[in-house]
Amino acid sequence: MNANEISTAVYERAGLKVEAHDVSIRDMLIMQAMFAAVMENIQKQQIAQFQYDIANFQAALTETATPIIEASQELQELKTEIIKEILASNTKTQQANEATLHTNISQRMQQQTQQQIQQHWTRFSGSLKTLLLLGFVVQSILLAIVMIANR
């Protein structure tokens, strides 16, 4: 505020007419300047205190958060290692299961093949016996016919 504005404000609030050249106006201007300087000084102190408090808070947060972040990273690495181990174990188990399954299937196929060969051989040998017996009967009949014809 300047001297005229102060004079007008005093008149409006107190009803006193004070000239802009009056000593009291000068005192008010000095007080206004001092008040502005004090307020500016307080504001600077508040800003400095705020910056100091923020720096301390950030330092405390960093000090507290750093071990937590490191532990979190270690847990993430451990999680990754565990997943890798599980996958490797699953792969080994799957390979072992596949090998066991392959062995079991091979054994069953061999057993079934042996059974089928045995069945076919039994049928074939039965058929061969029948064929030999039939051949013997035919040969006997032919021999009997030849003997009767030769007589």
C-alpha atoms as a PDB file:
ATOM      1  CA  MET A   1       0.000   0.000   0.000  1.00  0.00           C
ATOM      2  CA  ASN A   2       1.123   3.523  -0.679  1.00  0.00           C
ATOM      3  CA  ALA A   3       0.535   6.629   1.466  1.00  0.00           C
ATOM      4  CA  ASN A   4      -2.727   7.604  -0.274  1.00  0.00           C
ATOM      5  CA  GLU A   5      -4.137   4.087   0.077  1.00  0.00           C
ATOM      6  CA  ILE A   6      -3.216   4.043   3.780  1.00  0.00           C
ATOM      7  CA  SER A   7      -4.821   7.472   4.293  1.00  0.00           C
ATOM      8  CA  THR A   8      -8.013   6.268   2.596  1.00  0.00           C
ATOM      9  CA  ALA A   9      -8.050   2.997   4.616  1.00  0.00           C
ATOM     10  CA  VAL A  10      -7.636   4.916   7.943  1.00  0.00           C
ATOM     11  CA  TYR A  11     -10.471   7.259   7.000  1.00  0.00           C
ATOM     12  CA  GLU A  12     -12.763   4.368   5.989  1.00  0.00           C
ATOM     13  CA  ARG A  13     -12.105   2.283   9.108  1.00  0.00           C
ATOM     14  CA  ALA A  14     -11.547   4.874  11.855  1.00  0.00           C
ATOM     15  CA  GLY A  15     -13.217   7.954  10.382  1.00  0.00           C
ATOM     16  CA  LEU A  16     -10.003   9.974  10.839  1.00  0.00           C
ATOM     17  CA  LYS A  17      -8.682  12.104   8.071  1.00  0.00           C
ATOM     18  CA  VAL A  18      -4.947  11.705   7.813  1.00  0.00           C
ATOM     19  CA  GLU A  19      -2.868  13.410   5.158  1.00  0.00           C
ATOM     20  CA  ALA A  20      -0.461  11.415   3.012  1.00  0.00           C
ATOM     21  CA  HIS A  21       2.411  13.617   4.419  1.00  0.00           C
ATOM     22  CA  ASP A  22       1.518  12.927   8.025  1.00  0.00           C
ATOM     23  CA  VAL A  23       4.181  11.345  10.270  1.00  0.00           C
ATOM     24  CA  SER A  24       1.794   8.554  11.246  1.00  0.00           C
ATOM     25  CA  ILE A  25       1.487   7.548   7.585  1.00  0.00           C
ATOM     26  CA  ARG A  26       5.240   7.401   7.390  1.00  0.00           C
ATOM     27  CA  ASP A  27       5.304   5.206  10.506  1.00  0.00           C
ATOM     28  CA  MET A  28       2.604   2.980   8.989  1.00  0.00           C
ATOM     29  CA  LEU A  29       4.612   2.666   5.776  1.00  0.00           C
ATOM     30  CA  ILE A  30       7.696   1.738   7.793  1.00  0.00           C
ATOM     31  CA  MET A  31       5.671  -0.805   9.784  1.00  0.00           C
ATOM     32  CA  GLN A  32       4.206  -2.144   6.540  1.00  0.00           C
ATOM     33  CA  ALA A  33       7.686  -2.538   5.056  1.00  0.00           C
ATOM     34  CA  MET A  34       8.934  -4.170   8.267  1.00  0.00           C
ATOM     35  CA  PHE A  35       5.911  -6.470   8.327  1.00  0.00           C
ATOM     36  CA  ALA A  36       6.504  -7.417   4.672  1.00  0.00           C
ATOM     37  CA  ALA A  37      10.195  -8.097   5.436  1.00  0.00           C
ATOM     38  CA  VAL A  38       9.273 -10.162   8.494  1.00  0.00           C
ATOM     39  CA  MET A  39       6.690 -12.124   6.497  1.00  0.00           C
ATOM     40  CA  GLU A  40       9.207 -12.686   3.696  1.00  0.00           C
ATOM     41  CA  ASN A  41      11.759 -13.835   6.272  1.00  0.00           C
ATOM     42  CA  ILE A  42       9.210 -16.197   7.901  1.00  0.00           C
ATOM     43  CA  GLN A  43       8.263 -17.565   4.485  1.00  0.00           C
ATOM     44  CA  LYS A  44      11.937 -18.204   3.643  1.00  0.00           C
ATOM     45  CA  GLN A  45      12.417 -19.920   7.013  1.00  0.00           C
ATOM     46  CA  GLN A  46       9.319 -22.042   6.441  1.00  0.00           C
ATOM     47  CA  ILE A  47      10.543 -23.034   2.974  1.00  0.00           C
ATOM     48  CA  ALA A  48      13.988 -23.872   4.359  1.00  0.00           C
ATOM     49  CA  GLN A  49      12.439 -25.869   7.225  1.00  0.00           C
ATOM     50  CA  PHE A  50      10.142 -27.658   4.771  1.00  0.00           C
ATOM     51  CA  GLN A  51      13.079 -28.530   2.505  1.00  0.00           C
ATOM     52  CA  TYR A  52      15.063 -29.713   5.526  1.00  0.00           C
ATOM     53  CA  ASP A  53      12.144 -31.841   6.752  1.00  0.00           C
ATOM     54  CA  ILE A  54      11.611 -33.314   3.265  1.00  0.00           C
ATOM     55  CA  ALA A  55      15.325 -34.160   2.994  1.00  0.00           C
ATOM     56  CA  ASN A  56      15.241 -35.842   6.423  1.00  0.00           C
ATOM     57  CA  PHE A  57      12.064 -37.702   5.506  1.00  0.00           C
ATOM     58  CA  GLN A  58      13.583 -38.875   2.216  1.00  0.00           C
ATOM     59  CA  ALA A  59      16.746 -39.985   4.013  1.00  0.00           C
ATOM     60  CA  ALA A  60      14.734 -41.881   6.638  1.00  0.00           C
ATOM     61  CA  LEU A  61      12.512 -43.374   3.956  1.00  0.00           C
ATOM     62  CA  THR A  62      15.515 -44.410   1.891  1.00  0.00           C
ATOM     63  CA  GLU A  63      17.182 -45.892   4.975  1.00  0.00           C
ATOM     64  CA  THR A  64      14.028 -47.810   5.865  1.00  0.00           C
ATOM     65  CA  ALA A  65      12.967 -48.708   2.335  1.00  0.00           C
ATOM     66  CA  THR A  66      16.355 -49.869   1.035  1.00  0.00           C
ATOM     67  CA  PRO A  67      16.418 -53.115   3.078  1.00  0.00           C
ATOM     68  CA  ILE A  68      12.791 -53.749   2.175  1.00  0.00           C
ATOM     69  CA  ILE A  69      13.471 -53.216  -1.527  1.00  0.00           C
ATOM     70  CA  GLU A  70      16.575 -55.419  -1.344  1.00  0.00           C
ATOM     71  CA  ALA A  71      14.606 -58.129   0.463  1.00  0.00           C
ATOM     72  CA  SER A  72      11.881 -57.860  -2.162  1.00  0.00           C
ATOM     73  CA  GLN A  73      14.453 -58.251  -4.931  1.00  0.00           C
ATOM     74  CA  GLU A  74      15.988 -61.240  -3.155  1.00  0.00           C
ATOM     75  CA  LEU A  75      12.540 -62.796  -2.800  1.00  0.00           C
ATOM     76  CA  GLN A  76      11.912 -62.221  -6.508  1.00  0.00           C
ATOM     77  CA  GLU A  77      15.234 -63.902  -7.345  1.00  0.00           C
ATOM     78  CA  LEU A  78      14.426 -66.774  -4.969  1.00  0.00           C
ATOM     79  CA  LYS A  79      10.996 -67.120  -6.558  1.00  0.00           C
ATOM     80  CA  THR A  80      12.617 -67.302  -9.995  1.00  0.00           C
ATOM     81  CA  GLU A  81      15.091 -69.949  -8.788  1.00  0.00           C
ATOM     82  CA  ILE A  82      12.303 -72.005  -7.197  1.00  0.00           C
ATOM     83  CA  ILE A  83      10.278 -71.851 -10.409  1.00  0.00           C
ATOM     84  CA  LYS A  84      13.327 -72.965 -12.380  1.00  0.00           C
ATOM     85  CA  GLU A  85      13.910 -75.849  -9.941  1.00  0.00           C
ATOM     86  CA  ILE A  86      10.255 -76.868 -10.133  1.00  0.00           C
ATOM     87  CA  LEU A  87      10.362 -76.800 -13.922  1.00  0.00           C
ATOM     88  CA  ALA A  88      13.591 -78.827 -13.954  1.00  0.00           C
ATOM     89  CA  SER A  89      12.112 -81.310 -11.477  1.00  0.00           C
ATOM     90  CA  ASN A  90       8.937 -81.549 -13.548  1.00  0.00           C
ATOM     91  CA  THR A  91      11.016 -82.142 -16.666  1.00  0.00           C
ATOM     92  CA  LYS A  92      12.983 -84.921 -14.932  1.00  0.00           C
ATOM     93  CA  THR A  93       9.792 -86.455 -13.569  1.00  0.00           C
ATOM     94  CA  GLN A  94       8.165 -86.231 -16.984  1.00  0.00           C
ATOM     95  CA  GLN A  95      11.178 -87.858 -18.625  1.00  0.00           C
ATOM     96  CA  ALA A  96      11.211 -90.616 -15.996  1.00  0.00           C
ATOM     97  CA  ASN A  97       7.467 -91.147 -16.462  1.00  0.00           C
ATOM     98  CA  GLU A  98       7.877 -91.249 -20.232  1.00  0.00           C
ATOM     99  CA  ALA A  99      10.706 -93.786 -19.904  1.00  0.00           C
ATOM    100  CA  THR A 100       8.621 -95.926 -17.531  1.00  0.00           C
ATOM    101  CA  LEU A 101       5.617 -95.647 -19.824  1.00  0.00           C
ATOM    102  CA  HIS A 102       7.749 -96.570 -22.838  1.00  0.00           C
ATOM    103  CA  THR A 103       9.141 -99.583 -20.962  1.00  0.00           C
ATOM    104  CA  ASN A 104       5.673-100.711 -19.877  1.00  0.00           C
ATOM    105  CA  ILE A 105       4.256-100.304 -23.377  1.00  0.00           C
ATOM    106  CA  SER A 106       7.207-102.185 -24.865  1.00  0.00           C
ATOM    107  CA  GLN A 107       6.771-105.044 -22.384  1.00  0.00           C
ATOM    108  CA  ARG A 108       3.032-105.246 -23.066  1.00  0.00           C
ATOM    109  CA  MET A 109       3.618-105.208 -26.801  1.00  0.00           C
ATOM    110  CA  GLN A 110       6.203-107.985 -26.472  1.00  0.00           C
ATOM    111  CA  GLN A 111       3.825-110.030 -24.325  1.00  0.00           C
ATOM    112  CA  GLN A 112       0.946-109.489 -26.744  1.00  0.00           C
ATOM    113  CA  THR A 113       3.185-110.303 -29.706  1.00  0.00           C
ATOM    114  CA  GLN A 114       4.408-113.477 -27.985  1.00  0.00           C
ATOM    115  CA  GLN A 115       0.824-114.469 -27.190  1.00  0.00           C
ATOM    116  CA  GLN A 116      -0.284-113.832 -30.762  1.00  0.00           C
ATOM    117  CA  ILE A 117       2.702-115.790 -32.129  1.00  0.00           C
ATOM    118  CA  GLN A 118       1.902-118.629 -29.734  1.00  0.00           C
ATOM    119  CA  GLN A 119      -1.763-118.608 -30.776  1.00  0.00           C
ATOM    120  CA  HIS A 120      -0.880-118.565 -34.467  1.00  0.00           C
ATOM    121  CA  TRP A 121       1.677-121.334 -33.967  1.00  0.00           C
ATOM    122  CA  THR A 122      -0.855-123.423 -32.070  1.00  0.00           C
ATOM    123  CA  ARG A 123      -3.401-122.958 -34.859  1.00  0.00           C
ATOM    124  CA  PHE A 124      -0.781-123.570 -37.513  1.00  0.00           C
ATOM    125  CA  SER A 125       0.556-126.701 -35.804  1.00  0.00           C
ATOM    126  CA  GLY A 126      -3.008-127.953 -35.346  1.00  0.00           C
ATOM    127  CA  SER A 127      -3.673-127.285 -39.001  1.00  0.00           C
ATOM    128  CA  LEU A 128      -0.370-128.941 -39.929  1.00  0.00           C
ATOM    129  CA  LYS A 129      -1.228-132.012 -37.878  1.00  0.00           C
ATOM    130  CA  THR A 130      -4.621-132.156 -39.544  1.00  0.00           C
ATOM    131  CA  LEU A 131      -2.998-131.716 -42.944  1.00  0.00           C
ATOM    132  CA  LEU A 132      -0.432-134.455 -42.221  1.00  0.00           C
ATOM    133  CA  LEU A 133      -3.147-136.745 -40.937  1.00  0.00           C
ATOM    134  CA  LEU A 134      -5.247-136.011 -44.015  1.00  0.00           C
ATOM    135  CA  GLY A 135      -2.193-136.610 -46.202  1.00  0.00           C
ATOM    136  CA  PHE A 136      -1.582-139.930 -44.451  1.00  0.00           C
ATOM    137  CA  VAL A 137      -5.223-140.920 -44.942  1.00  0.00           C
ATOM    138  CA  VAL A 138      -5.083-139.925 -48.623  1.00  0.00           C
ATOM    139  CA  GLN A 139      -1.798-141.769 -49.034  1.00  0.00           C
ATOM    140  CA  SER A 140      -3.271-144.830 -47.300  1.00  0.00           C
ATOM    141  CA  ILE A 141      -6.324-144.711 -49.548  1.00  0.00           C
ATOM    142  CA  LEU A 142      -4.128-144.285 -52.604  1.00  0.00           C
ATOM    143  CA  LEU A 143      -1.930-147.152 -51.457  1.00  0.00           C
ATOM    144  CA  ALA A 144      -4.994-149.310 -50.881  1.00  0.00           C
ATOM    145  CA  ILE A 145      -6.299-148.414 -54.346  1.00  0.00           C
ATOM    146  CA  VAL A 146      -2.923-149.206 -55.902  1.00  0.00           C
ATOM    147  CA  MET A 147      -2.757-152.505 -54.060  1.00  0.00           C
ATOM    148  CA  ILE A 148      -6.272-153.426 -55.100  1.00  0.00           C
ATOM    149  CA  ALA A 149      -5.563-152.433 -58.669  1.00  0.00           C
ATOM    150  CA  ASN A 150      -2.388-154.502 -58.712  1.00  0.00           C
ATOM    151  CA  ARG A 151      -4.059-157.643 -57.604  1.00  0.00           C
END
